[in-house]
Amino acid sequence: ERPSEALAVGPSYLHSGGVPLLRFIHSALPDRPEDLIVQLTMPVLVLTGRRDGLAPPGWAEHLARLVGAPSVVIPGVHNAPFTHPQAADAALHEFALLTAGAE
């Protein structure tokens, strides 16, 4: 993440009051998304940034394979939807069209 990205996410962090955000982060540390994703009953799209250190592309693709979902890698790091909104929007739009056509 670049310091300039704080402008995009900072207001949400400040609005949380700090302590609730820290509690949320702490509660998520033991989560194992790879164990939980298989319980989802809705269409899934796995989206990650090319240089994402928290959800690296290889791990994101593994998650997607677990449920037969598409995995999309866009430019950027973990905050990729903030720094590359057009790429994130295009991936979500295409996924929405695919899932709407499958019904």
N, C-alpha and C. Protein backbone atom coordinates (compact mmCIF):
# COMPACT_ATOMS: atom_id res chain seq x y z
N GLU A 1 0.83 -1.18 0.00
CA GLU A 1 0.00 0.00 0.00
C GLU A 1 0.88 1.25 0.00
N ARG A 2 0.42 2.24 -0.70
CA ARG A 2 1.11 3.52 -0.72
C ARG A 2 0.45 4.48 0.28
N PRO A 3 1.21 5.37 0.86
CA PRO A 3 0.62 6.32 1.80
C PRO A 3 -0.55 7.11 1.20
N SER A 4 -0.51 7.37 -0.09
CA SER A 4 -1.59 8.14 -0.71
C SER A 4 -2.93 7.40 -0.67
N GLU A 5 -2.88 6.08 -0.51
CA GLU A 5 -4.12 5.30 -0.44
C GLU A 5 -4.88 5.58 0.85
N ALA A 6 -4.20 6.11 1.83
CA ALA A 6 -4.86 6.45 3.09
C ALA A 6 -5.98 7.45 2.87
N LEU A 7 -5.86 8.27 1.82
CA LEU A 7 -6.92 9.23 1.52
C LEU A 7 -8.22 8.52 1.16
N ALA A 8 -8.12 7.35 0.53
CA ALA A 8 -9.32 6.61 0.14
C ALA A 8 -9.92 5.84 1.32
N VAL A 9 -9.08 5.22 2.12
CA VAL A 9 -9.58 4.36 3.19
C VAL A 9 -9.58 5.04 4.56
N GLY A 10 -8.81 6.10 4.70
CA GLY A 10 -8.69 6.78 5.98
C GLY A 10 -10.00 7.22 6.60
N PRO A 11 -10.90 7.86 5.84
CA PRO A 11 -12.17 8.29 6.46
C PRO A 11 -12.96 7.13 7.07
N SER A 12 -12.95 5.97 6.42
CA SER A 12 -13.65 4.81 6.99
C SER A 12 -12.99 4.36 8.27
N TYR A 13 -11.67 4.35 8.29
CA TYR A 13 -10.94 3.96 9.49
C TYR A 13 -11.25 4.93 10.64
N LEU A 14 -11.22 6.23 10.34
CA LEU A 14 -11.50 7.22 11.37
C LEU A 14 -12.94 7.13 11.86
N HIS A 15 -13.86 6.90 10.94
CA HIS A 15 -15.28 6.81 11.29
C HIS A 15 -15.54 5.62 12.22
N SER A 16 -14.73 4.59 12.12
CA SER A 16 -14.92 3.39 12.96
C SER A 16 -14.66 3.69 14.43
N GLY A 17 -13.93 4.76 14.70
CA GLY A 17 -13.58 5.09 16.07
C GLY A 17 -12.29 4.43 16.54
N GLY A 18 -11.66 3.67 15.67
CA GLY A 18 -10.38 3.07 16.01
C GLY A 18 -10.48 1.74 16.72
N VAL A 19 -11.03 1.75 17.94
CA VAL A 19 -11.10 0.52 18.73
C VAL A 19 -11.97 -0.55 18.04
N PRO A 20 -13.15 -0.21 17.52
CA PRO A 20 -13.93 -1.24 16.82
C PRO A 20 -13.18 -1.81 15.59
N LEU A 21 -12.45 -0.97 14.90
CA LEU A 21 -11.68 -1.46 13.76
C LEU A 21 -10.61 -2.44 14.22
N LEU A 22 -9.90 -2.09 15.29
CA LEU A 22 -8.87 -2.99 15.82
C LEU A 22 -9.49 -4.31 16.29
N ARG A 23 -10.66 -4.25 16.92
CA ARG A 23 -11.35 -5.48 17.34
C ARG A 23 -11.70 -6.33 16.12
N PHE A 24 -12.18 -5.68 15.08
CA PHE A 24 -12.55 -6.39 13.85
C PHE A 24 -11.33 -7.08 13.24
N ILE A 25 -10.24 -6.36 13.15
CA ILE A 25 -9.01 -6.93 12.58
C ILE A 25 -8.54 -8.10 13.43
N HIS A 26 -8.55 -7.92 14.74
CA HIS A 26 -8.12 -8.99 15.64
C HIS A 26 -9.02 -10.23 15.51
N SER A 27 -10.32 -10.01 15.36
CA SER A 27 -11.25 -11.14 15.26
C SER A 27 -11.07 -11.90 13.94
N ALA A 28 -10.56 -11.23 12.92
CA ALA A 28 -10.40 -11.87 11.61
C ALA A 28 -9.10 -12.66 11.48
N LEU A 29 -8.15 -12.43 12.36
CA LEU A 29 -6.85 -13.09 12.24
C LEU A 29 -6.93 -14.62 12.19
N PRO A 30 -7.76 -15.27 13.00
CA PRO A 30 -7.81 -16.73 12.93
C PRO A 30 -8.67 -17.28 11.80
N ASP A 31 -9.38 -16.41 11.07
CA ASP A 31 -10.26 -16.88 10.00
C ASP A 31 -9.48 -17.65 8.94
N ARG A 32 -10.11 -18.67 8.42
CA ARG A 32 -9.53 -19.45 7.32
C ARG A 32 -10.54 -19.44 6.18
N PRO A 33 -10.49 -18.41 5.32
CA PRO A 33 -11.46 -18.31 4.22
C PRO A 33 -11.53 -19.57 3.36
N GLU A 34 -10.41 -20.28 3.23
CA GLU A 34 -10.42 -21.49 2.42
C GLU A 34 -11.30 -22.58 3.02
N ASP A 35 -11.56 -22.53 4.33
CA ASP A 35 -12.47 -23.48 4.97
C ASP A 35 -13.92 -23.01 4.88
N LEU A 36 -14.13 -21.72 4.80
CA LEU A 36 -15.47 -21.16 4.82
C LEU A 36 -16.08 -20.95 3.45
N ILE A 37 -15.26 -20.71 2.45
CA ILE A 37 -15.78 -20.38 1.12
C ILE A 37 -16.66 -21.50 0.55
N VAL A 38 -16.35 -22.73 0.90
CA VAL A 38 -17.12 -23.86 0.37
C VAL A 38 -18.54 -23.90 0.94
N GLN A 39 -18.83 -23.12 1.97
CA GLN A 39 -20.17 -23.07 2.55
C GLN A 39 -21.06 -22.04 1.88
N LEU A 40 -20.49 -21.21 1.02
CA LEU A 40 -21.28 -20.17 0.36
C LEU A 40 -22.25 -20.80 -0.63
N THR A 41 -23.45 -20.24 -0.68
CA THR A 41 -24.47 -20.76 -1.59
C THR A 41 -24.79 -19.79 -2.72
N MET A 42 -24.06 -18.71 -2.79
CA MET A 42 -24.30 -17.71 -3.83
C MET A 42 -23.11 -17.69 -4.79
N PRO A 43 -23.28 -17.06 -5.96
CA PRO A 43 -22.15 -16.95 -6.89
C PRO A 43 -20.99 -16.21 -6.23
N VAL A 44 -19.78 -16.64 -6.56
CA VAL A 44 -18.58 -16.08 -5.95
C VAL A 44 -17.64 -15.57 -7.04
N LEU A 45 -17.07 -14.41 -6.80
CA LEU A 45 -15.99 -13.86 -7.61
C LEU A 45 -14.85 -13.57 -6.65
N VAL A 46 -13.67 -14.07 -6.98
CA VAL A 46 -12.50 -13.79 -6.16
C VAL A 46 -11.67 -12.74 -6.89
N LEU A 47 -11.46 -11.61 -6.24
CA LEU A 47 -10.77 -10.47 -6.84
C LEU A 47 -9.57 -10.13 -5.97
N THR A 48 -8.43 -9.95 -6.60
CA THR A 48 -7.22 -9.61 -5.86
C THR A 48 -6.34 -8.68 -6.69
N GLY A 49 -5.37 -8.09 -6.04
CA GLY A 49 -4.41 -7.23 -6.73
C GLY A 49 -3.17 -8.03 -7.15
N ARG A 50 -2.57 -7.62 -8.22
CA ARG A 50 -1.39 -8.31 -8.77
C ARG A 50 -0.26 -8.43 -7.74
N ARG A 51 -0.12 -7.41 -6.88
CA ARG A 51 0.95 -7.43 -5.87
C ARG A 51 0.36 -7.46 -4.45
N ASP A 52 -0.80 -8.11 -4.31
CA ASP A 52 -1.49 -8.19 -3.03
C ASP A 52 -0.73 -9.11 -2.08
N GLY A 53 -0.25 -8.58 -0.98
CA GLY A 53 0.49 -9.37 -0.01
C GLY A 53 -0.42 -10.08 0.99
N LEU A 54 -1.66 -9.63 1.16
CA LEU A 54 -2.60 -10.26 2.09
C LEU A 54 -3.40 -11.37 1.42
N ALA A 55 -3.71 -11.19 0.17
CA ALA A 55 -4.44 -12.20 -0.61
C ALA A 55 -3.73 -12.35 -1.96
N PRO A 56 -2.55 -12.97 -1.96
CA PRO A 56 -1.77 -13.08 -3.20
C PRO A 56 -2.54 -13.81 -4.30
N PRO A 57 -2.25 -13.48 -5.55
CA PRO A 57 -2.98 -14.09 -6.66
C PRO A 57 -3.02 -15.62 -6.62
N GLY A 58 -1.94 -16.28 -6.26
CA GLY A 58 -1.95 -17.74 -6.21
C GLY A 58 -2.94 -18.28 -5.19
N TRP A 59 -3.00 -17.63 -4.03
CA TRP A 59 -3.94 -18.04 -2.99
C TRP A 59 -5.37 -17.72 -3.41
N ALA A 60 -5.58 -16.56 -4.03
CA ALA A 60 -6.91 -16.19 -4.52
C ALA A 60 -7.40 -17.19 -5.56
N GLU A 61 -6.51 -17.61 -6.45
CA GLU A 61 -6.89 -18.60 -7.46
C GLU A 61 -7.22 -19.94 -6.80
N HIS A 62 -6.50 -20.30 -5.75
CA HIS A 62 -6.82 -21.51 -4.99
C HIS A 62 -8.23 -21.42 -4.40
N LEU A 63 -8.56 -20.28 -3.78
CA LEU A 63 -9.91 -20.09 -3.24
C LEU A 63 -10.96 -20.26 -4.33
N ALA A 64 -10.72 -19.65 -5.47
CA ALA A 64 -11.67 -19.73 -6.57
C ALA A 64 -11.87 -21.18 -7.03
N ARG A 65 -10.77 -21.92 -7.14
CA ARG A 65 -10.87 -23.33 -7.57
C ARG A 65 -11.70 -24.16 -6.59
N LEU A 66 -11.63 -23.85 -5.30
CA LEU A 66 -12.39 -24.60 -4.30
C LEU A 66 -13.89 -24.59 -4.56
N VAL A 67 -14.37 -23.51 -5.17
CA VAL A 67 -15.82 -23.39 -5.42
C VAL A 67 -16.14 -23.24 -6.90
N GLY A 68 -15.16 -23.44 -7.76
CA GLY A 68 -15.40 -23.31 -9.20
C GLY A 68 -15.78 -21.90 -9.61
N ALA A 69 -15.18 -20.94 -8.94
CA ALA A 69 -15.48 -19.53 -9.19
C ALA A 69 -14.39 -18.89 -10.04
N PRO A 70 -14.74 -17.80 -10.73
CA PRO A 70 -13.70 -17.07 -11.44
C PRO A 70 -12.80 -16.31 -10.46
N SER A 71 -11.56 -16.15 -10.85
CA SER A 71 -10.59 -15.36 -10.09
C SER A 71 -10.05 -14.30 -11.02
N VAL A 72 -10.09 -13.07 -10.58
CA VAL A 72 -9.62 -11.96 -11.41
C VAL A 72 -8.51 -11.23 -10.66
N VAL A 73 -7.41 -11.03 -11.35
CA VAL A 73 -6.28 -10.29 -10.80
C VAL A 73 -6.22 -8.95 -11.50
N ILE A 74 -6.30 -7.88 -10.73
CA ILE A 74 -6.22 -6.54 -11.29
C ILE A 74 -4.92 -5.89 -10.83
N PRO A 75 -4.52 -4.79 -11.45
CA PRO A 75 -3.29 -4.13 -11.01
C PRO A 75 -3.41 -3.69 -9.55
N GLY A 76 -2.28 -3.56 -8.91
CA GLY A 76 -2.26 -2.99 -7.58
C GLY A 76 -1.99 -3.99 -6.48
N VAL A 77 -2.21 -3.53 -5.25
CA VAL A 77 -1.97 -4.33 -4.05
C VAL A 77 -3.31 -4.64 -3.39
N HIS A 78 -3.35 -4.78 -2.09
CA HIS A 78 -4.59 -5.20 -1.42
C HIS A 78 -5.72 -4.17 -1.57
N ASN A 79 -5.39 -2.93 -1.68
CA ASN A 79 -6.41 -1.88 -1.87
C ASN A 79 -6.71 -1.66 -3.35
N ALA A 80 -6.48 -2.64 -4.18
CA ALA A 80 -6.63 -2.49 -5.62
C ALA A 80 -7.97 -1.90 -6.06
N PRO A 81 -9.10 -2.26 -5.44
CA PRO A 81 -10.36 -1.64 -5.88
C PRO A 81 -10.39 -0.12 -5.67
N PHE A 82 -9.61 0.38 -4.69
CA PHE A 82 -9.54 1.83 -4.48
C PHE A 82 -8.61 2.49 -5.47
N THR A 83 -7.49 1.84 -5.76
CA THR A 83 -6.48 2.45 -6.63
C THR A 83 -6.72 2.17 -8.12
N HIS A 84 -7.49 1.14 -8.41
CA HIS A 84 -7.80 0.77 -9.80
C HIS A 84 -9.31 0.50 -9.93
N PRO A 85 -10.13 1.52 -9.65
CA PRO A 85 -11.57 1.30 -9.62
C PRO A 85 -12.15 0.86 -10.96
N GLN A 86 -11.58 1.32 -12.07
CA GLN A 86 -12.13 0.91 -13.37
C GLN A 86 -11.93 -0.59 -13.60
N ALA A 87 -10.77 -1.12 -13.23
CA ALA A 87 -10.50 -2.55 -13.40
C ALA A 87 -11.41 -3.37 -12.48
N ALA A 88 -11.59 -2.92 -11.24
CA ALA A 88 -12.47 -3.63 -10.32
C ALA A 88 -13.91 -3.59 -10.81
N ASP A 89 -14.34 -2.42 -11.29
CA ASP A 89 -15.70 -2.28 -11.81
C ASP A 89 -15.92 -3.18 -13.02
N ALA A 90 -14.95 -3.24 -13.91
CA ALA A 90 -15.09 -4.08 -15.10
C ALA A 90 -15.21 -5.56 -14.71
N ALA A 91 -14.41 -6.00 -13.75
CA ALA A 91 -14.47 -7.39 -13.30
C ALA A 91 -15.82 -7.70 -12.67
N LEU A 92 -16.30 -6.80 -11.83
CA LEU A 92 -17.60 -7.01 -11.18
C LEU A 92 -18.74 -6.97 -12.18
N HIS A 93 -18.67 -6.05 -13.14
CA HIS A 93 -19.71 -5.93 -14.16
C HIS A 93 -19.78 -7.21 -15.01
N GLU A 94 -18.62 -7.69 -15.44
CA GLU A 94 -18.58 -8.92 -16.23
C GLU A 94 -19.13 -10.10 -15.43
N PHE A 95 -18.76 -10.19 -14.16
CA PHE A 95 -19.25 -11.27 -13.30
C PHE A 95 -20.78 -11.18 -13.15
N ALA A 96 -21.30 -9.98 -12.96
CA ALA A 96 -22.73 -9.80 -12.83
C ALA A 96 -23.46 -10.24 -14.10
N LEU A 97 -22.90 -9.90 -15.24
CA LEU A 97 -23.50 -10.33 -16.51
C LEU A 97 -23.48 -11.85 -16.66
N LEU A 98 -22.37 -12.47 -16.27
CA LEU A 98 -22.24 -13.93 -16.34
C LEU A 98 -23.25 -14.62 -15.43
N THR A 99 -23.35 -14.13 -14.20
CA THR A 99 -24.25 -14.78 -13.26
C THR A 99 -25.71 -14.52 -13.59
N ALA A 100 -26.03 -13.36 -14.16
CA ALA A 100 -27.40 -13.06 -14.57
C ALA A 100 -27.79 -13.96 -15.73
N GLY A 101 -26.85 -14.25 -16.63
CA GLY A 101 -27.13 -15.12 -17.76
C GLY A 101 -27.24 -16.58 -17.39
N ALA A 102 -26.74 -16.95 -16.23
CA ALA A 102 -26.76 -18.34 -15.80
C ALA A 102 -28.09 -18.71 -15.15
N GLU A 103 -28.90 -17.73 -14.85
CA GLU A 103 -30.18 -18.03 -14.17
C GLU A 103 -31.25 -18.38 -15.15
